[in-house]
Amino acid sequence: MPVGNRSRCLGRNIIFGVLGLTALMTSSFDQTLIEVWRQTLVENAMVVELGKERYAVRRTSKHKLRQVDFVFDGTEIRGLEQNPQTRSQWAQLARSGNKVMQFLSEGRYVANVVDGKVTLYRR
């Protein structure tokens, strides 16, 4: 059920299209993002465990930010610690001590988690 670059609410579910990619965003998606955020930024885990799967937490080469690549419902997602040195509102939160992680799929930002609260980006 492709929706292109638009999103729409269907009850409590959101159909989200990114570059022709469609993913069903449900509360389990939110919980997965929170779990990746918690294990990576709160617990400082070297490996994120999602069910039976394990994903290594790595550091970016330039800024040494934590990142983890994982799969949700067949879709590859990257969780990336917010760079506090940028000028975005999310960086400002990171500078003030909040734990912020951005989530990307196919090179586009799809969501973030700030101190355990999920924000989904919709186009």
PDB file of N, CA and C in Angstrom:
ATOM      1  N   MET A   1       0.828  -1.177   0.000  1.00  0.00           N
ATOM      2  CA  MET A   1       0.000   0.000   0.000  1.00  0.00           C
ATOM      3  C   MET A   1       0.877   1.247   0.000  1.00  0.00           C
ATOM      4  N   PRO A   2       1.585   1.559  -1.088  1.00  0.00           N
ATOM      5  CA  PRO A   2       2.469   2.699  -1.153  1.00  0.00           C
ATOM      6  C   PRO A   2       1.705   4.007  -1.050  1.00  0.00           C
ATOM      7  N   VAL A   3       2.324   4.954  -0.342  1.00  0.00           N
ATOM      8  CA  VAL A   3       1.702   6.269  -0.204  1.00  0.00           C
ATOM      9  C   VAL A   3       2.625   7.380  -0.679  1.00  0.00           C
ATOM     10  N   GLY A   4       3.749   7.037  -1.286  1.00  0.00           N
ATOM     11  CA  GLY A   4       4.661   8.065  -1.786  1.00  0.00           C
ATOM     12  C   GLY A   4       5.258   8.876  -0.658  1.00  0.00           C
ATOM     13  N   ASN A   5       5.277  10.193  -0.820  1.00  0.00           N
ATOM     14  CA  ASN A   5       5.868  11.076   0.177  1.00  0.00           C
ATOM     15  C   ASN A   5       4.818  11.744   1.045  1.00  0.00           C
ATOM     16  N   ARG A   6       3.733  11.073   1.355  1.00  0.00           N
ATOM     17  CA  ARG A   6       2.724  11.657   2.217  1.00  0.00           C
ATOM     18  C   ARG A   6       2.452  10.709   3.372  1.00  0.00           C
ATOM     19  N   SER A   7       1.860  11.229   4.389  1.00  0.00           N
ATOM     20  CA  SER A   7       1.491  10.383   5.513  1.00  0.00           C
ATOM     21  C   SER A   7       0.043  10.667   5.862  1.00  0.00           C
ATOM     22  N   ARG A   8      -0.595   9.703   6.512  1.00  0.00           N
ATOM     23  CA  ARG A   8      -1.976   9.912   6.928  1.00  0.00           C
ATOM     24  C   ARG A   8      -2.245   9.082   8.167  1.00  0.00           C
ATOM     25  N   CYS A   9      -3.145   9.558   8.974  1.00  0.00           N
ATOM     26  CA  CYS A   9      -3.500   8.840  10.193  1.00  0.00           C
ATOM     27  C   CYS A   9      -4.593   7.838   9.891  1.00  0.00           C
ATOM     28  N   LEU A  10      -4.436   6.649  10.391  1.00  0.00           N
ATOM     29  CA  LEU A  10      -5.459   5.617  10.287  1.00  0.00           C
ATOM     30  C   LEU A  10      -5.682   5.091  11.699  1.00  0.00           C
ATOM     31  N   GLY A  11      -6.625   5.667  12.407  1.00  0.00           N
ATOM     32  CA  GLY A  11      -6.819   5.306  13.804  1.00  0.00           C
ATOM     33  C   GLY A  11      -5.592   5.698  14.594  1.00  0.00           C
ATOM     34  N   ARG A  12      -4.989   4.729  15.271  1.00  0.00           N
ATOM     35  CA  ARG A  12      -3.788   5.017  16.054  1.00  0.00           C
ATOM     36  C   ARG A  12      -2.513   4.761  15.265  1.00  0.00           C
ATOM     37  N   ASN A  13      -2.636   4.265  14.038  1.00  0.00           N
ATOM     38  CA  ASN A  13      -1.464   3.971  13.215  1.00  0.00           C
ATOM     39  C   ASN A  13      -1.209   5.109  12.244  1.00  0.00           C
ATOM     40  N   ILE A  14       0.037   5.297  11.882  1.00  0.00           N
ATOM     41  CA  ILE A  14       0.407   6.297  10.887  1.00  0.00           C
ATOM     42  C   ILE A  14       1.122   5.587   9.760  1.00  0.00           C
ATOM     43  N   ILE A  15       0.653   5.774   8.545  1.00  0.00           N
ATOM     44  CA  ILE A  15       1.357   5.249   7.382  1.00  0.00           C
ATOM     45  C   ILE A  15       2.302   6.354   6.949  1.00  0.00           C
ATOM     46  N   PHE A  16       3.577   6.032   6.866  1.00  0.00           N
ATOM     47  CA  PHE A  16       4.606   7.040   6.627  1.00  0.00           C
ATOM     48  C   PHE A  16       5.406   6.641   5.398  1.00  0.00           C
ATOM     49  N   GLY A  17       5.458   7.489   4.391  1.00  0.00           N
ATOM     50  CA  GLY A  17       6.212   7.165   3.188  1.00  0.00           C
ATOM     51  C   GLY A  17       7.469   8.012   3.094  1.00  0.00           C
ATOM     52  N   VAL A  18       8.596   7.369   2.877  1.00  0.00           N
ATOM     53  CA  VAL A  18       9.863   8.064   2.700  1.00  0.00           C
ATOM     54  C   VAL A  18      10.493   7.523   1.423  1.00  0.00           C
ATOM     55  N   LEU A  19      10.619   8.375   0.419  1.00  0.00           N
ATOM     56  CA  LEU A  19      11.228   7.974  -0.839  1.00  0.00           C
ATOM     57  C   LEU A  19      10.607   6.689  -1.381  1.00  0.00           C
ATOM     58  N   GLY A  20       9.285   6.591  -1.286  1.00  0.00           N
ATOM     59  CA  GLY A  20       8.595   5.416  -1.778  1.00  0.00           C
ATOM     60  C   GLY A  20       8.567   4.272  -0.785  1.00  0.00           C
ATOM     61  N   LEU A  21       9.222   4.419   0.368  1.00  0.00           N
ATOM     62  CA  LEU A  21       9.245   3.393   1.395  1.00  0.00           C
ATOM     63  C   LEU A  21       8.058   3.608   2.315  1.00  0.00           C
ATOM     64  N   THR A  22       7.321   2.551   2.585  1.00  0.00           N
ATOM     65  CA  THR A  22       6.177   2.653   3.480  1.00  0.00           C
ATOM     66  C   THR A  22       6.450   1.813   4.711  1.00  0.00           C
ATOM     67  N   ALA A  23       6.275   2.416   5.874  1.00  0.00           N
ATOM     68  CA  ALA A  23       6.441   1.680   7.131  1.00  0.00           C
ATOM     69  C   ALA A  23       5.246   1.968   8.016  1.00  0.00           C
ATOM     70  N   LEU A  24       4.782   0.978   8.684  1.00  0.00           N
ATOM     71  CA  LEU A  24       3.658   1.146   9.585  1.00  0.00           C
ATOM     72  C   LEU A  24       4.209   1.603  10.927  1.00  0.00           C
ATOM     73  N   MET A  25       3.878   2.852  11.309  1.00  0.00           N
ATOM     74  CA  MET A  25       4.391   3.420  12.553  1.00  0.00           C
ATOM     75  C   MET A  25       3.337   3.215  13.639  1.00  0.00           C
ATOM     76  N   THR A  26       3.597   2.316  14.566  1.00  0.00           N
ATOM     77  CA  THR A  26       2.671   2.010  15.634  1.00  0.00           C
ATOM     78  C   THR A  26       3.349   2.260  16.963  1.00  0.00           C
ATOM     79  N   SER A  27       2.624   1.974  18.022  1.00  0.00           N
ATOM     80  CA  SER A  27       3.224   2.132  19.337  1.00  0.00           C
ATOM     81  C   SER A  27       4.412   1.192  19.500  1.00  0.00           C
ATOM     82  N   SER A  28       4.425   0.028  18.802  1.00  0.00           N
ATOM     83  CA  SER A  28       5.595  -0.847  18.896  1.00  0.00           C
ATOM     84  C   SER A  28       6.811  -0.195  18.243  1.00  0.00           C
ATOM     85  N   PHE A  29       6.589   0.599  17.198  1.00  0.00           N
ATOM     86  CA  PHE A  29       7.683   1.354  16.592  1.00  0.00           C
ATOM     87  C   PHE A  29       8.211   2.371  17.595  1.00  0.00           C
ATOM     88  N   ASP A  30       7.297   3.117  18.224  1.00  0.00           N
ATOM     89  CA  ASP A  30       7.697   4.088  19.252  1.00  0.00           C
ATOM     90  C   ASP A  30       8.503   3.401  20.353  1.00  0.00           C
ATOM     91  N   GLN A  31       8.021   2.264  20.824  1.00  0.00           N
ATOM     92  CA  GLN A  31       8.700   1.545  21.899  1.00  0.00           C
ATOM     93  C   GLN A  31      10.080   1.057  21.459  1.00  0.00           C
ATOM     94  N   THR A  32      10.204   0.662  20.199  1.00  0.00           N
ATOM     95  CA  THR A  32      11.501   0.237  19.678  1.00  0.00           C
ATOM     96  C   THR A  32      12.479   1.394  19.678  1.00  0.00           C
ATOM     97  N   LEU A  33      12.030   2.576  19.218  1.00  0.00           N
ATOM     98  CA  LEU A  33      12.904   3.756  19.223  1.00  0.00           C
ATOM     99  C   LEU A  33      13.330   4.111  20.644  1.00  0.00           C
ATOM    100  N   ILE A  34      12.393   4.075  21.570  1.00  0.00           N
ATOM    101  CA  ILE A  34      12.720   4.390  22.966  1.00  0.00           C
ATOM    102  C   ILE A  34      13.712   3.378  23.514  1.00  0.00           C
ATOM    103  N   GLU A  35      13.534   2.119  23.171  1.00  0.00           N
ATOM    104  CA  GLU A  35      14.448   1.078  23.651  1.00  0.00           C
ATOM    105  C   GLU A  35      15.860   1.284  23.096  1.00  0.00           C
ATOM    106  N   VAL A  36      15.982   1.615  21.813  1.00  0.00           N
ATOM    107  CA  VAL A  36      17.295   1.895  21.218  1.00  0.00           C
ATOM    108  C   VAL A  36      17.917   3.109  21.901  1.00  0.00           C
ATOM    109  N   TRP A  37      17.144   4.167  22.090  1.00  0.00           N
ATOM    110  CA  TRP A  37      17.613   5.387  22.771  1.00  0.00           C
ATOM    111  C   TRP A  37      18.097   5.056  24.177  1.00  0.00           C
ATOM    112  N   ARG A  38      17.268   4.300  24.937  1.00  0.00           N
ATOM    113  CA  ARG A  38      17.595   3.987  26.329  1.00  0.00           C
ATOM    114  C   ARG A  38      18.884   3.183  26.433  1.00  0.00           C
ATOM    115  N   GLN A  39      18.983   2.108  25.647  1.00  0.00           N
ATOM    116  CA  GLN A  39      20.175   1.266  25.733  1.00  0.00           C
ATOM    117  C   GLN A  39      21.422   2.018  25.297  1.00  0.00           C
ATOM    118  N   THR A  40      21.291   2.863  24.264  1.00  0.00           N
ATOM    119  CA  THR A  40      22.456   3.563  23.719  1.00  0.00           C
ATOM    120  C   THR A  40      22.876   4.744  24.585  1.00  0.00           C
ATOM    121  N   LEU A  41      21.947   5.641  24.895  1.00  0.00           N
ATOM    122  CA  LEU A  41      22.319   6.897  25.568  1.00  0.00           C
ATOM    123  C   LEU A  41      22.195   6.867  27.081  1.00  0.00           C
ATOM    124  N   VAL A  42      21.271   6.089  27.621  1.00  0.00           N
ATOM    125  CA  VAL A  42      21.080   6.052  29.071  1.00  0.00           C
ATOM    126  C   VAL A  42      21.974   4.990  29.702  1.00  0.00           C
ATOM    127  N   GLU A  43      21.941   3.780  29.127  1.00  0.00           N
ATOM    128  CA  GLU A  43      22.724   2.680  29.689  1.00  0.00           C
ATOM    129  C   GLU A  43      24.147   2.607  29.143  1.00  0.00           C
ATOM    130  N   ASN A  44      24.451   3.386  28.110  1.00  0.00           N
ATOM    131  CA  ASN A  44      25.775   3.370  27.479  1.00  0.00           C
ATOM    132  C   ASN A  44      26.173   1.968  27.020  1.00  0.00           C
ATOM    133  N   ALA A  45      25.204   1.225  26.490  1.00  0.00           N
ATOM    134  CA  ALA A  45      25.465  -0.144  26.049  1.00  0.00           C
ATOM    135  C   ALA A  45      26.353  -0.146  24.806  1.00  0.00           C
ATOM    136  N   MET A  46      27.159  -1.161  24.686  1.00  0.00           N
ATOM    137  CA  MET A  46      28.000  -1.348  23.505  1.00  0.00           C
ATOM    138  C   MET A  46      27.216  -2.085  22.410  1.00  0.00           C
ATOM    139  N   VAL A  47      26.155  -2.787  22.830  1.00  0.00           N
ATOM    140  CA  VAL A  47      25.302  -3.549  21.928  1.00  0.00           C
ATOM    141  C   VAL A  47      23.855  -3.305  22.331  1.00  0.00           C
ATOM    142  N   VAL A  48      23.000  -3.026  21.344  1.00  0.00           N
ATOM    143  CA  VAL A  48      21.566  -2.864  21.576  1.00  0.00           C
ATOM    144  C   VAL A  48      20.898  -4.197  21.285  1.00  0.00           C
ATOM    145  N   GLU A  49      20.074  -4.657  22.195  1.00  0.00           N
ATOM    146  CA  GLU A  49      19.353  -5.909  22.026  1.00  0.00           C
ATOM    147  C   GLU A  49      17.874  -5.622  21.820  1.00  0.00           C
ATOM    148  N   LEU A  50      17.359  -6.066  20.678  1.00  0.00           N
ATOM    149  CA  LEU A  50      15.942  -5.921  20.346  1.00  0.00           C
ATOM    150  C   LEU A  50      15.409  -7.320  20.069  1.00  0.00           C
ATOM    151  N   GLY A  51      14.681  -7.874  21.008  1.00  0.00           N
ATOM    152  CA  GLY A  51      14.227  -9.252  20.873  1.00  0.00           C
ATOM    153  C   GLY A  51      15.431 -10.172  20.836  1.00  0.00           C
ATOM    154  N   LYS A  52      15.507 -10.996  19.807  1.00  0.00           N
ATOM    155  CA  LYS A  52      16.631 -11.925  19.658  1.00  0.00           C
ATOM    156  C   LYS A  52      17.796 -11.306  18.895  1.00  0.00           C
ATOM    157  N   GLU A  53      17.594 -10.123  18.341  1.00  0.00           N
ATOM    158  CA  GLU A  53      18.628  -9.477  17.518  1.00  0.00           C
ATOM    159  C   GLU A  53      19.522  -8.584  18.367  1.00  0.00           C
ATOM    160  N   ARG A  54      20.794  -8.490  17.949  1.00  0.00           N
ATOM    161  CA  ARG A  54      21.787  -7.647  18.631  1.00  0.00           C
ATOM    162  C   ARG A  54      22.436  -6.740  17.590  1.00  0.00           C
ATOM    163  N   TYR A  55      22.570  -5.464  17.929  1.00  0.00           N
ATOM    164  CA  TYR A  55      23.132  -4.474  17.013  1.00  0.00           C
ATOM    165  C   TYR A  55      24.238  -3.697  17.729  1.00  0.00           C
ATOM    166  N   ALA A  56      25.411  -3.610  17.096  1.00  0.00           N
ATOM    167  CA  ALA A  56      26.559  -2.933  17.695  1.00  0.00           C
ATOM    168  C   ALA A  56      26.358  -1.421  17.697  1.00  0.00           C
ATOM    169  N   VAL A  57      26.740  -0.791  18.802  1.00  0.00           N
ATOM    170  CA  VAL A  57      26.766   0.665  18.898  1.00  0.00           C
ATOM    171  C   VAL A  57      28.168   1.097  18.489  1.00  0.00           C
ATOM    172  N   ARG A  58      28.229   1.979  17.494  1.00  0.00           N
ATOM    173  CA  ARG A  58      29.520   2.460  17.007  1.00  0.00           C
ATOM    174  C   ARG A  58      29.627   3.959  17.264  1.00  0.00           C
ATOM    175  N   ARG A  59      30.780   4.517  16.991  1.00  0.00           N
ATOM    176  CA  ARG A  59      31.011   5.960  17.106  1.00  0.00           C
ATOM    177  C   ARG A  59      31.296   6.513  15.721  1.00  0.00           C
ATOM    178  N   THR A  60      30.750   7.718  15.439  1.00  0.00           N
ATOM    179  CA  THR A  60      31.063   8.353  14.163  1.00  0.00           C
ATOM    180  C   THR A  60      32.518   8.790  14.193  1.00  0.00           C
ATOM    181  N   SER A  61      33.143   8.846  13.023  1.00  0.00           N
ATOM    182  CA  SER A  61      34.578   9.135  12.966  1.00  0.00           C
ATOM    183  C   SER A  61      34.899  10.584  13.324  1.00  0.00           C
ATOM    184  N   LYS A  62      34.104  11.521  12.891  1.00  0.00           N
ATOM    185  CA  LYS A  62      34.447  12.932  13.083  1.00  0.00           C
ATOM    186  C   LYS A  62      34.107  13.463  14.474  1.00  0.00           C
ATOM    187  N   HIS A  63      32.870  13.245  14.930  1.00  0.00           N
ATOM    188  CA  HIS A  63      32.429  13.844  16.195  1.00  0.00           C
ATOM    189  C   HIS A  63      32.289  12.833  17.333  1.00  0.00           C
ATOM    190  N   LYS A  64      32.561  11.559  17.033  1.00  0.00           N
ATOM    191  CA  LYS A  64      32.492  10.496  18.041  1.00  0.00           C
ATOM    192  C   LYS A  64      31.092  10.367  18.659  1.00  0.00           C
ATOM    193  N   LEU A  65      30.066  10.621  17.850  1.00  0.00           N
ATOM    194  CA  LEU A  65      28.690  10.462  18.297  1.00  0.00           C
ATOM    195  C   LEU A  65      28.305   8.991  18.203  1.00  0.00           C
ATOM    196  N   ARG A  66      27.479   8.534  19.118  1.00  0.00           N
ATOM    197  CA  ARG A  66      27.043   7.134  19.092  1.00  0.00           C
ATOM    198  C   ARG A  66      25.994   6.931  18.003  1.00  0.00           C
ATOM    199  N   GLN A  67      26.094   5.790  17.325  1.00  0.00           N
ATOM    200  CA  GLN A  67      25.106   5.434  16.310  1.00  0.00           C
ATOM    201  C   GLN A  67      24.914   3.930  16.306  1.00  0.00           C
ATOM    202  N   VAL A  68      23.689   3.544  15.947  1.00  0.00           N
ATOM    203  CA  VAL A  68      23.375   2.120  15.869  1.00  0.00           C
ATOM    204  C   VAL A  68      22.440   1.895  14.688  1.00  0.00           C
ATOM    205  N   ASP A  69      22.786   0.932  13.865  1.00  0.00           N
ATOM    206  CA  ASP A  69      21.956   0.545  12.730  1.00  0.00           C
ATOM    207  C   ASP A  69      21.172  -0.696  13.134  1.00  0.00           C
ATOM    208  N   PHE A  70      19.842  -0.643  12.923  1.00  0.00           N
ATOM    209  CA  PHE A  70      18.995  -1.766  13.290  1.00  0.00           C
ATOM    210  C   PHE A  70      17.867  -1.904  12.272  1.00  0.00           C
ATOM    211  N   VAL A  71      17.108  -2.976  12.402  1.00  0.00           N
ATOM    212  CA  VAL A  71      16.012  -3.246  11.482  1.00  0.00           C
ATOM    213  C   VAL A  71      14.716  -3.303  12.272  1.00  0.00           C
ATOM    214  N   PHE A  72      13.705  -2.568  11.780  1.00  0.00           N
ATOM    215  CA  PHE A  72      12.363  -2.642  12.354  1.00  0.00           C
ATOM    216  C   PHE A  72      11.392  -3.030  11.250  1.00  0.00           C
ATOM    217  N   ASP A  73      10.747  -4.156  11.411  1.00  0.00           N
ATOM    218  CA  ASP A  73       9.740  -4.620  10.455  1.00  0.00           C
ATOM    219  C   ASP A  73      10.279  -4.607   9.018  1.00  0.00           C
ATOM    220  N   GLY A  74      11.530  -5.048   8.838  1.00  0.00           N
ATOM    221  CA  GLY A  74      12.137  -5.124   7.518  1.00  0.00           C
ATOM    222  C   GLY A  74      12.724  -3.829   7.005  1.00  0.00           C
ATOM    223  N   THR A  75      12.635  -2.751   7.780  1.00  0.00           N
ATOM    224  CA  THR A  75      13.151  -1.451   7.361  1.00  0.00           C
ATOM    225  C   THR A  75      14.432  -1.128   8.133  1.00  0.00           C
ATOM    226  N   GLU A  76      15.501  -0.775   7.410  1.00  0.00           N
ATOM    227  CA  GLU A  76      16.760  -0.407   8.049  1.00  0.00           C
ATOM    228  C   GLU A  76      16.647   1.003   8.604  1.00  0.00           C
ATOM    229  N   ILE A  77      17.032   1.156   9.861  1.00  0.00           N
ATOM    230  CA  ILE A  77      16.953   2.443  10.552  1.00  0.00           C
ATOM    231  C   ILE A  77      18.283   2.693  11.244  1.00  0.00           C
ATOM    232  N   ARG A  78      18.707   3.932  11.263  1.00  0.00           N
ATOM    233  CA  ARG A  78      19.912   4.328  11.991  1.00  0.00           C
ATOM    234  C   ARG A  78      19.517   5.275  13.114  1.00  0.00           C
ATOM    235  N   GLY A  79      19.932   4.947  14.318  1.00  0.00           N
ATOM    236  CA  GLY A  79      19.798   5.847  15.462  1.00  0.00           C
ATOM    237  C   GLY A  79      21.104   6.584  15.612  1.00  0.00           C
ATOM    238  N   LEU A  80      21.047   7.911  15.695  1.00  0.00           N
ATOM    239  CA  LEU A  80      22.247   8.739  15.747  1.00  0.00           C
ATOM    240  C   LEU A  80      22.122   9.751  16.881  1.00  0.00           C
ATOM    241  N   GLU A  81      23.093   9.729  17.775  1.00  0.00           N
ATOM    242  CA  GLU A  81      23.121  10.695  18.868  1.00  0.00           C
ATOM    243  C   GLU A  81      23.174  12.111  18.289  1.00  0.00           C
ATOM    244  N   GLN A  82      22.393  13.011  18.858  1.00  0.00           N
ATOM    245  CA  GLN A  82      22.345  14.392  18.374  1.00  0.00           C
ATOM    246  C   GLN A  82      23.681  15.089  18.595  1.00  0.00           C
ATOM    247  N   ASN A  83      24.194  15.732  17.559  1.00  0.00           N
ATOM    248  CA  ASN A  83      25.400  16.543  17.670  1.00  0.00           C
ATOM    249  C   ASN A  83      25.032  17.845  18.384  1.00  0.00           C
ATOM    250  N   PRO A  84      25.556  18.089  19.586  1.00  0.00           N
ATOM    251  CA  PRO A  84      25.199  19.303  20.327  1.00  0.00           C
ATOM    252  C   PRO A  84      25.832  20.567  19.749  1.00  0.00           C
ATOM    253  N   GLN A  85      26.739  20.418  18.777  1.00  0.00           N
ATOM    254  CA  GLN A  85      27.444  21.580  18.237  1.00  0.00           C
ATOM    255  C   GLN A  85      26.739  22.221  17.050  1.00  0.00           C
ATOM    256  N   THR A  86      25.592  21.675  16.644  1.00  0.00           N
ATOM    257  CA  THR A  86      24.849  22.302  15.544  1.00  0.00           C
ATOM    258  C   THR A  86      23.926  23.374  16.118  1.00  0.00           C
ATOM    259  N   ARG A  87      23.181  24.053  15.232  1.00  0.00           N
ATOM    260  CA  ARG A  87      22.351  25.165  15.694  1.00  0.00           C
ATOM    261  C   ARG A  87      20.862  24.824  15.747  1.00  0.00           C
ATOM    262  N   SER A  88      20.519  23.552  15.723  1.00  0.00           N
ATOM    263  CA  SER A  88      19.111  23.158  15.732  1.00  0.00           C
ATOM    264  C   SER A  88      18.532  23.208  17.148  1.00  0.00           C
ATOM    265  N   GLN A  89      17.207  23.144  17.216  1.00  0.00           N
ATOM    266  CA  GLN A  89      16.543  23.101  18.519  1.00  0.00           C
ATOM    267  C   GLN A  89      16.895  21.825  19.270  1.00  0.00           C
ATOM    268  N   TRP A  90      17.122  20.734  18.521  1.00  0.00           N
ATOM    269  CA  TRP A  90      17.472  19.465  19.148  1.00  0.00           C
ATOM    270  C   TRP A  90      18.873  19.533  19.739  1.00  0.00           C
ATOM    271  N   ALA A  91      19.788  20.219  19.051  1.00  0.00           N
ATOM    272  CA  ALA A  91      21.145  20.398  19.558  1.00  0.00           C
ATOM    273  C   ALA A  91      21.127  21.256  20.824  1.00  0.00           C
ATOM    274  N   GLN A  92      20.267  22.248  20.844  1.00  0.00           N
ATOM    275  CA  GLN A  92      20.141  23.092  22.037  1.00  0.00           C
ATOM    276  C   GLN A  92      19.697  22.250  23.237  1.00  0.00           C
ATOM    277  N   LEU A  93      18.766  21.339  23.007  1.00  0.00           N
ATOM    278  CA  LEU A  93      18.342  20.430  24.077  1.00  0.00           C
ATOM    279  C   LEU A  93      19.500  19.546  24.533  1.00  0.00           C
ATOM    280  N   ALA A  94      20.274  19.034  23.573  1.00  0.00           N
ATOM    281  CA  ALA A  94      21.427  18.192  23.913  1.00  0.00           C
ATOM    282  C   ALA A  94      22.459  18.982  24.716  1.00  0.00           C
ATOM    283  N   ARG A  95      22.689  20.232  24.319  1.00  0.00           N
ATOM    284  CA  ARG A  95      23.645  21.077  25.057  1.00  0.00           C
ATOM    285  C   ARG A  95      23.192  21.319  26.493  1.00  0.00           C
ATOM    286  N   SER A  96      21.883  21.379  26.693  1.00  0.00           N
ATOM    287  CA  SER A  96      21.369  21.649  28.042  1.00  0.00           C
ATOM    288  C   SER A  96      21.239  20.371  28.879  1.00  0.00           C
ATOM    289  N   GLY A  97      21.750  19.250  28.361  1.00  0.00           N
ATOM    290  CA  GLY A  97      21.811  18.033  29.152  1.00  0.00           C
ATOM    291  C   GLY A  97      20.790  16.973  28.806  1.00  0.00           C
ATOM    292  N   ASN A  98      19.866  17.259  27.896  1.00  0.00           N
ATOM    293  CA  ASN A  98      18.904  16.250  27.478  1.00  0.00           C
ATOM    294  C   ASN A  98      19.582  15.210  26.599  1.00  0.00           C
ATOM    295  N   LYS A  99      19.102  13.981  26.658  1.00  0.00           N
ATOM    296  CA  LYS A  99      19.628  12.907  25.813  1.00  0.00           C
ATOM    297  C   LYS A  99      18.752  12.833  24.565  1.00  0.00           C
ATOM    298  N   VAL A 100      19.362  13.151  23.408  1.00  0.00           N
ATOM    299  CA  VAL A 100      18.625  13.272  22.154  1.00  0.00           C
ATOM    300  C   VAL A 100      19.218  12.316  21.129  1.00  0.00           C
ATOM    301  N   MET A 101      18.330  11.537  20.483  1.00  0.00           N
ATOM    302  CA  MET A 101      18.758  10.651  19.403  1.00  0.00           C
ATOM    303  C   MET A 101      17.837  10.857  18.214  1.00  0.00           C
ATOM    304  N   GLN A 102      18.441  11.043  17.049  1.00  0.00           N
ATOM    305  CA  GLN A 102      17.710  11.165  15.789  1.00  0.00           C
ATOM    306  C   GLN A 102      17.658   9.795  15.129  1.00  0.00           C
ATOM    307  N   PHE A 103      16.588   9.536  14.376  1.00  0.00           N
ATOM    308  CA  PHE A 103      16.443   8.271  13.662  1.00  0.00           C
ATOM    309  C   PHE A 103      16.249   8.547  12.179  1.00  0.00           C
ATOM    310  N   LEU A 104      17.027   7.840  11.347  1.00  0.00           N
ATOM    311  CA  LEU A 104      17.006   8.029   9.901  1.00  0.00           C
ATOM    312  C   LEU A 104      16.679   6.716   9.204  1.00  0.00           C
ATOM    313  N   SER A 105      16.013   6.846   8.055  1.00  0.00           N
ATOM    314  CA  SER A 105      15.779   5.713   7.178  1.00  0.00           C
ATOM    315  C   SER A 105      15.955   6.208   5.754  1.00  0.00           C
ATOM    316  N   GLU A 106      16.739   5.493   4.983  1.00  0.00           N
ATOM    317  CA  GLU A 106      17.065   5.882   3.608  1.00  0.00           C
ATOM    318  C   GLU A 106      17.569   7.326   3.531  1.00  0.00           C
ATOM    319  N   GLY A 107      18.377   7.717   4.514  1.00  0.00           N
ATOM    320  CA  GLY A 107      18.999   9.037   4.505  1.00  0.00           C
ATOM    321  C   GLY A 107      18.095  10.182   4.926  1.00  0.00           C
ATOM    322  N   ARG A 108      16.870   9.892   5.363  1.00  0.00           N
ATOM    323  CA  ARG A 108      15.935  10.942   5.777  1.00  0.00           C
ATOM    324  C   ARG A 108      15.594  10.775   7.246  1.00  0.00           C
ATOM    325  N   TYR A 109      15.490  11.901   7.939  1.00  0.00           N
ATOM    326  CA  TYR A 109      15.113  11.867   9.341  1.00  0.00           C
ATOM    327  C   TYR A 109      13.644  11.487   9.455  1.00  0.00           C
ATOM    328  N   VAL A 110      13.340  10.467  10.265  1.00  0.00           N
ATOM    329  CA  VAL A 110      11.963  10.009  10.419  1.00  0.00           C
ATOM    330  C   VAL A 110      11.422  10.239  11.820  1.00  0.00           C
ATOM    331  N   ALA A 111      12.307  10.370  12.821  1.00  0.00           N
ATOM    332  CA  ALA A 111      11.856  10.541  14.194  1.00  0.00           C
ATOM    333  C   ALA A 111      13.029  10.935  15.073  1.00  0.00           C
ATOM    334  N   ASN A 112      12.709  11.331  16.303  1.00  0.00           N
ATOM    335  CA  ASN A 112      13.739  11.491  17.318  1.00  0.00           C
ATOM    336  C   ASN A 112      13.155  11.107  18.668  1.00  0.00           C
ATOM    337  N   VAL A 113      14.043  10.873  19.612  1.00  0.00           N
ATOM    338  CA  VAL A 113      13.646  10.627  20.993  1.00  0.00           C
ATOM    339  C   VAL A 113      14.440  11.579  21.862  1.00  0.00           C
ATOM    340  N   VAL A 114      13.715  12.326  22.694  1.00  0.00           N
ATOM    341  CA  VAL A 114      14.335  13.237  23.658  1.00  0.00           C
ATOM    342  C   VAL A 114      13.860  12.807  25.033  1.00  0.00           C
ATOM    343  N   ASP A 115      14.798  12.366  25.850  1.00  0.00           N
ATOM    344  CA  ASP A 115      14.487  11.939  27.219  1.00  0.00           C
ATOM    345  C   ASP A 115      13.281  11.014  27.283  1.00  0.00           C
ATOM    346  N   GLY A 116      13.221  10.058  26.359  1.00  0.00           N
ATOM    347  CA  GLY A 116      12.184   9.042  26.375  1.00  0.00           C
ATOM    348  C   GLY A 116      10.890   9.407  25.675  1.00  0.00           C
ATOM    349  N   LYS A 117      10.830  10.577  25.038  1.00  0.00           N
ATOM    350  CA  LYS A 117       9.613  10.999  24.328  1.00  0.00           C
ATOM    351  C   LYS A 117       9.880  11.001  22.825  1.00  0.00           C
ATOM    352  N   VAL A 118       9.011  10.309  22.077  1.00  0.00           N
ATOM    353  CA  VAL A 118       9.175  10.159  20.632  1.00  0.00           C
ATOM    354  C   VAL A 118       8.478  11.289  19.886  1.00  0.00           C
ATOM    355  N   THR A 119       9.166  11.827  18.873  1.00  0.00           N
ATOM    356  CA  THR A 119       8.566  12.759  17.914  1.00  0.00           C
ATOM    357  C   THR A 119       8.756  12.162  16.537  1.00  0.00           C
ATOM    358  N   LEU A 120       7.652  11.923  15.816  1.00  0.00           N
ATOM    359  CA  LEU A 120       7.712  11.418  14.453  1.00  0.00           C
ATOM    360  C   LEU A 120       7.659  12.596  13.498  1.00  0.00           C
ATOM    361  N   TYR A 121       8.526  12.570  12.490  1.00  0.00           N
ATOM    362  CA  TYR A 121       8.505  13.612  11.448  1.00  0.00           C
ATOM    363  C   TYR A 121       7.619  13.137  10.323  1.00  0.00           C
ATOM    364  N   ARG A 122       6.706  13.946   9.881  1.00  0.00           N
ATOM    365  CA  ARG A 122       5.816  13.583   8.783  1.00  0.00           C
ATOM    366  C   ARG A 122       5.967  14.576   7.677  1.00  0.00           C
ATOM    367  N   ARG A 123       5.947  14.073   6.435  1.00  0.00           N
ATOM    368  CA  ARG A 123       6.023  14.945   5.257  1.00  0.00           C
ATOM    369  C   ARG A 123       4.721  14.858   4.534  1.00  0.00           C
TER     370      ARG A 123
END
